Amino acid sequence: MNAIDTNVCVAAFTVGDPHRATALELLEKLPDDGTVLLWQVACETGAVLERIQREQGAKHRHVDDPRKAVELLVERFRLVYPGTGVLARGWDIHLKYQVSYWDAMLLAACADAGVRLLYTQDAQSQPEIDGVTLINPFAS
C-alpha cells in the first residue's frame, strides 16, 4: 500500500512549484486501489493551499482551488482515518526514531493503515521507519 505526504499534494496543485510536474506524474501513476490518502494529509493539504493562496500575490504563485484540490484527491484515493492506536504509536515513533512529532504521527497513521511506501519530500535520515519506507519523489 502507498501513501502520499502533504508536500507532494501541495506541489501538485501549486502552479510555479518547481516539483509540480513530478508530483502530478506521481499522482497519475500511483494505483487507485493501492494508494490511500491519509486524513491528516487531506486536512493539511487544504490548509497549506489556502495559506499559499492568501499569500500568492507576494510570492507570484498560483494555487488551484484548495477545496477542489482536496476533493480531487479524495475522489482518486481512498480516504483513511487514523485508528485509536495511532496517537500512542506516534509518540513511540517520535521517541524511538527522534523524528518530529508530526512526522511521527504521519508514520504511525501509515503503519496503522498498512502503508509500506510513503512518498514524501521530508525523507528522514533513515530510509525506513517502523515498517514504512520513505521515498523522496523529488530526489534526483
C-alpha atoms as a PDB file:
ATOM      1  CA  MET A   1       0.000   0.000   0.000  1.00  0.00           C
ATOM      2  CA  ASN A   2       1.217   3.522  -0.862  1.00  0.00           C
ATOM      3  CA  ALA A   3       0.530   6.932   0.640  1.00  0.00           C
ATOM      4  CA  ILE A   4       1.483  10.477  -0.281  1.00  0.00           C
ATOM      5  CA  ASP A   5       2.563  13.237   2.053  1.00  0.00           C
ATOM      6  CA  THR A   6       1.225  16.783   2.097  1.00  0.00           C
ATOM      7  CA  ASN A   7       4.291  18.225   0.370  1.00  0.00           C
ATOM      8  CA  VAL A   8       3.637  16.063  -2.702  1.00  0.00           C
ATOM      9  CA  CYS A   9      -0.025  17.099  -2.821  1.00  0.00           C
ATOM     10  CA  VAL A  10       0.785  20.788  -2.379  1.00  0.00           C
ATOM     11  CA  ALA A  11       3.421  20.678  -5.126  1.00  0.00           C
ATOM     12  CA  ALA A  12       0.916  19.071  -7.486  1.00  0.00           C
ATOM     13  CA  PHE A  13      -1.634  21.846  -7.001  1.00  0.00           C
ATOM     14  CA  THR A  14       0.691  24.855  -6.898  1.00  0.00           C
ATOM     15  CA  VAL A  15       1.451  26.487 -10.238  1.00  0.00           C
ATOM     16  CA  GLY A  16       5.067  27.605 -10.228  1.00  0.00           C
ATOM     17  CA  ASP A  17       6.213  24.969  -7.768  1.00  0.00           C
ATOM     18  CA  PRO A  18       9.443  23.503  -9.173  1.00  0.00           C
ATOM     19  CA  HIS A  19       8.234  19.996  -8.274  1.00  0.00           C
ATOM     20  CA  ARG A  20       4.751  20.306  -9.780  1.00  0.00           C
ATOM     21  CA  ALA A  21       5.353  18.163 -12.876  1.00  0.00           C
ATOM     22  CA  THR A  22       6.980  15.400 -10.849  1.00  0.00           C
ATOM     23  CA  ALA A  23       4.194  15.457  -8.249  1.00  0.00           C
ATOM     24  CA  LEU A  24       1.473  15.338 -10.910  1.00  0.00           C
ATOM     25  CA  GLU A  25       3.224  12.475 -12.689  1.00  0.00           C
ATOM     26  CA  LEU A  26       3.484  10.538  -9.420  1.00  0.00           C
ATOM     27  CA  LEU A  27      -0.189  11.099  -8.561  1.00  0.00           C
ATOM     28  CA  GLU A  28      -1.200   9.925 -12.037  1.00  0.00           C
ATOM     29  CA  LYS A  29       0.886   6.747 -11.950  1.00  0.00           C
ATOM     30  CA  LEU A  30       0.026   5.579  -8.423  1.00  0.00           C
ATOM     31  CA  PRO A  31      -2.615   2.839  -8.479  1.00  0.00           C
ATOM     32  CA  ASP A  32      -6.048   3.877  -7.229  1.00  0.00           C
ATOM     33  CA  ASP A  33      -6.549   0.608  -5.386  1.00  0.00           C
ATOM     34  CA  GLY A  34      -3.027   0.508  -3.929  1.00  0.00           C
ATOM     35  CA  THR A  35      -2.790   4.080  -2.639  1.00  0.00           C
ATOM     36  CA  VAL A  36      -4.507   5.783   0.264  1.00  0.00           C
ATOM     37  CA  LEU A  37      -4.983   9.396   1.264  1.00  0.00           C
ATOM     38  CA  LEU A  38      -4.453   9.788   4.986  1.00  0.00           C
ATOM     39  CA  TRP A  39      -6.947  12.029   6.790  1.00  0.00           C
ATOM     40  CA  GLN A  40      -4.283  14.329   8.197  1.00  0.00           C
ATOM     41  CA  VAL A  41      -2.702  14.741   4.746  1.00  0.00           C
ATOM     42  CA  ALA A  42      -6.060  15.735   3.251  1.00  0.00           C
ATOM     43  CA  CYS A  43      -6.624  18.275   6.044  1.00  0.00           C
ATOM     44  CA  GLU A  44      -3.120  19.714   5.941  1.00  0.00           C
ATOM     45  CA  THR A  45      -3.155  19.938   2.137  1.00  0.00           C
ATOM     46  CA  GLY A  46      -6.273  22.098   2.244  1.00  0.00           C
ATOM     47  CA  ALA A  47      -4.818  24.320   4.955  1.00  0.00           C
ATOM     48  CA  VAL A  48      -1.470  24.806   3.197  1.00  0.00           C
ATOM     49  CA  LEU A  49      -3.075  25.517  -0.179  1.00  0.00           C
ATOM     50  CA  GLU A  50      -5.362  28.096   1.430  1.00  0.00           C
ATOM     51  CA  ARG A  51      -2.378  29.804   3.073  1.00  0.00           C
ATOM     52  CA  ILE A  52      -0.432  29.875  -0.189  1.00  0.00           C
ATOM     53  CA  GLN A  53      -3.496  31.214  -1.992  1.00  0.00           C
ATOM     54  CA  ARG A  54      -3.735  34.095   0.515  1.00  0.00           C
ATOM     55  CA  GLU A  55      -0.029  34.869   0.081  1.00  0.00           C
ATOM     56  CA  GLN A  56       0.131  34.258  -3.687  1.00  0.00           C
ATOM     57  CA  GLY A  57       0.420  37.924  -4.633  1.00  0.00           C
ATOM     58  CA  ALA A  58       3.679  38.281  -2.730  1.00  0.00           C
ATOM     59  CA  LYS A  59       5.098  35.010  -3.994  1.00  0.00           C
ATOM     60  CA  HIS A  60       3.827  35.270  -7.582  1.00  0.00           C
ATOM     61  CA  ARG A  61       2.463  31.742  -7.348  1.00  0.00           C
ATOM     62  CA  HIS A  62      -0.960  30.441  -8.132  1.00  0.00           C
ATOM     63  CA  VAL A  63      -2.741  27.686  -6.282  1.00  0.00           C
ATOM     64  CA  ASP A  64      -5.526  25.612  -7.733  1.00  0.00           C
ATOM     65  CA  ASP A  65      -8.754  25.915  -5.720  1.00  0.00           C
ATOM     66  CA  PRO A  66      -7.866  24.352  -2.335  1.00  0.00           C
ATOM     67  CA  ARG A  67     -11.246  22.734  -1.770  1.00  0.00           C
ATOM     68  CA  LYS A  68     -11.377  21.302  -5.300  1.00  0.00           C
ATOM     69  CA  ALA A  69      -7.803  20.007  -4.935  1.00  0.00           C
ATOM     70  CA  VAL A  70      -8.693  18.070  -1.788  1.00  0.00           C
ATOM     71  CA  GLU A  71     -11.923  16.815  -3.380  1.00  0.00           C
ATOM     72  CA  LEU A  72      -9.942  15.534  -6.377  1.00  0.00           C
ATOM     73  CA  LEU A  73      -7.547  13.676  -4.078  1.00  0.00           C
ATOM     74  CA  VAL A  74     -10.442  12.121  -2.140  1.00  0.00           C
ATOM     75  CA  GLU A  75     -12.140  11.078  -5.388  1.00  0.00           C
ATOM     76  CA  ARG A  76      -8.953   9.419  -6.606  1.00  0.00           C
ATOM     77  CA  PHE A  77      -7.642   7.707  -3.485  1.00  0.00           C
ATOM     78  CA  ARG A  78      -9.400   6.001  -0.581  1.00  0.00           C
ATOM     79  CA  LEU A  79      -9.514   8.315   2.438  1.00  0.00           C
ATOM     80  CA  VAL A  80      -8.184   6.622   5.580  1.00  0.00           C
ATOM     81  CA  TYR A  81      -8.923   7.871   9.086  1.00  0.00           C
ATOM     82  CA  PRO A  82      -6.466   7.311  11.937  1.00  0.00           C
ATOM     83  CA  GLY A  83      -7.295   4.462  14.300  1.00  0.00           C
ATOM     84  CA  THR A  84      -7.390   4.808  18.059  1.00  0.00           C
ATOM     85  CA  GLY A  85      -3.839   3.478  18.483  1.00  0.00           C
ATOM     86  CA  VAL A  86      -2.190   6.000  16.161  1.00  0.00           C
ATOM     87  CA  LEU A  87      -1.536   8.612  18.824  1.00  0.00           C
ATOM     88  CA  ALA A  88       0.302   6.221  21.164  1.00  0.00           C
ATOM     89  CA  ARG A  89       2.199   4.633  18.285  1.00  0.00           C
ATOM     90  CA  GLY A  90       3.144   8.094  17.041  1.00  0.00           C
ATOM     91  CA  TRP A  91       4.608   9.005  20.424  1.00  0.00           C
ATOM     92  CA  ASP A  92       6.614   5.769  20.390  1.00  0.00           C
ATOM     93  CA  ILE A  93       7.958   6.510  16.891  1.00  0.00           C
ATOM     94  CA  HIS A  94       8.765  10.085  17.895  1.00  0.00           C
ATOM     95  CA  LEU A  95      10.803   8.963  20.875  1.00  0.00           C
ATOM     96  CA  LYS A  96      12.419   5.893  19.331  1.00  0.00           C
ATOM     97  CA  TYR A  97      13.484   7.411  15.985  1.00  0.00           C
ATOM     98  CA  GLN A  98      13.897  11.044  17.072  1.00  0.00           C
ATOM     99  CA  VAL A  99      11.679  12.354  14.258  1.00  0.00           C
ATOM    100  CA  SER A 100       9.424  15.360  14.613  1.00  0.00           C
ATOM    101  CA  TYR A 101       6.132  14.865  16.411  1.00  0.00           C
ATOM    102  CA  TRP A 102       4.034  15.465  13.268  1.00  0.00           C
ATOM    103  CA  ASP A 103       6.204  13.201  11.091  1.00  0.00           C
ATOM    104  CA  ALA A 104       5.878  10.513  13.753  1.00  0.00           C
ATOM    105  CA  MET A 105       2.076  10.843  13.752  1.00  0.00           C
ATOM    106  CA  LEU A 106       2.033  10.529   9.958  1.00  0.00           C
ATOM    107  CA  LEU A 107       4.254   7.446  10.098  1.00  0.00           C
ATOM    108  CA  ALA A 108       2.027   5.914  12.772  1.00  0.00           C
ATOM    109  CA  ALA A 109      -1.045   6.550  10.607  1.00  0.00           C
ATOM    110  CA  CYS A 110       0.760   4.926   7.668  1.00  0.00           C
ATOM    111  CA  ALA A 111       1.661   1.857   9.701  1.00  0.00           C
ATOM    112  CA  ASP A 112      -1.898   1.657  11.051  1.00  0.00           C
ATOM    113  CA  ALA A 113      -3.320   1.754   7.506  1.00  0.00           C
ATOM    114  CA  GLY A 114      -0.922  -0.886   6.180  1.00  0.00           C
ATOM    115  CA  VAL A 115       1.085   1.624   4.145  1.00  0.00           C
ATOM    116  CA  ARG A 116       4.544   0.351   3.239  1.00  0.00           C
ATOM    117  CA  LEU A 117       5.677   3.187   0.909  1.00  0.00           C
ATOM    118  CA  LEU A 118       5.282   6.858   1.816  1.00  0.00           C
ATOM    119  CA  TYR A 119       6.131   9.375  -0.877  1.00  0.00           C
ATOM    120  CA  THR A 120       7.438  12.430   0.960  1.00  0.00           C
ATOM    121  CA  GLN A 121       9.900  15.229   0.483  1.00  0.00           C
ATOM    122  CA  ASP A 122      10.589  15.022   4.211  1.00  0.00           C
ATOM    123  CA  ALA A 123      12.700  11.891   3.932  1.00  0.00           C
ATOM    124  CA  GLN A 124      14.343  11.222   7.256  1.00  0.00           C
ATOM    125  CA  SER A 125      17.896  10.056   7.766  1.00  0.00           C
ATOM    126  CA  GLN A 126      16.516   6.513   7.992  1.00  0.00           C
ATOM    127  CA  PRO A 127      15.038   5.178   4.736  1.00  0.00           C
ATOM    128  CA  GLU A 128      12.594   3.023   6.718  1.00  0.00           C
ATOM    129  CA  ILE A 129      10.842   3.829   9.969  1.00  0.00           C
ATOM    130  CA  ASP A 130       8.535   1.408  11.774  1.00  0.00           C
ATOM    131  CA  GLY A 131       7.972  -0.646   8.628  1.00  0.00           C
ATOM    132  CA  VAL A 132       7.283   2.356   6.360  1.00  0.00           C
ATOM    133  CA  THR A 133       9.765   3.062   3.577  1.00  0.00           C
ATOM    134  CA  LEU A 134      10.222   6.752   2.833  1.00  0.00           C
ATOM    135  CA  ILE A 135      10.712   7.724  -0.800  1.00  0.00           C
ATOM    136  CA  ASN A 136      11.519  11.258  -1.897  1.00  0.00           C
ATOM    137  CA  PRO A 137       9.961  11.549  -5.371  1.00  0.00           C
ATOM    138  CA  PHE A 138      11.832  14.798  -5.978  1.00  0.00           C
ATOM    139  CA  ALA A 139      15.328  13.441  -5.358  1.00  0.00           C
ATOM    140  CA  SER A 140      17.375  13.058  -8.498  1.00  0.00           C
END
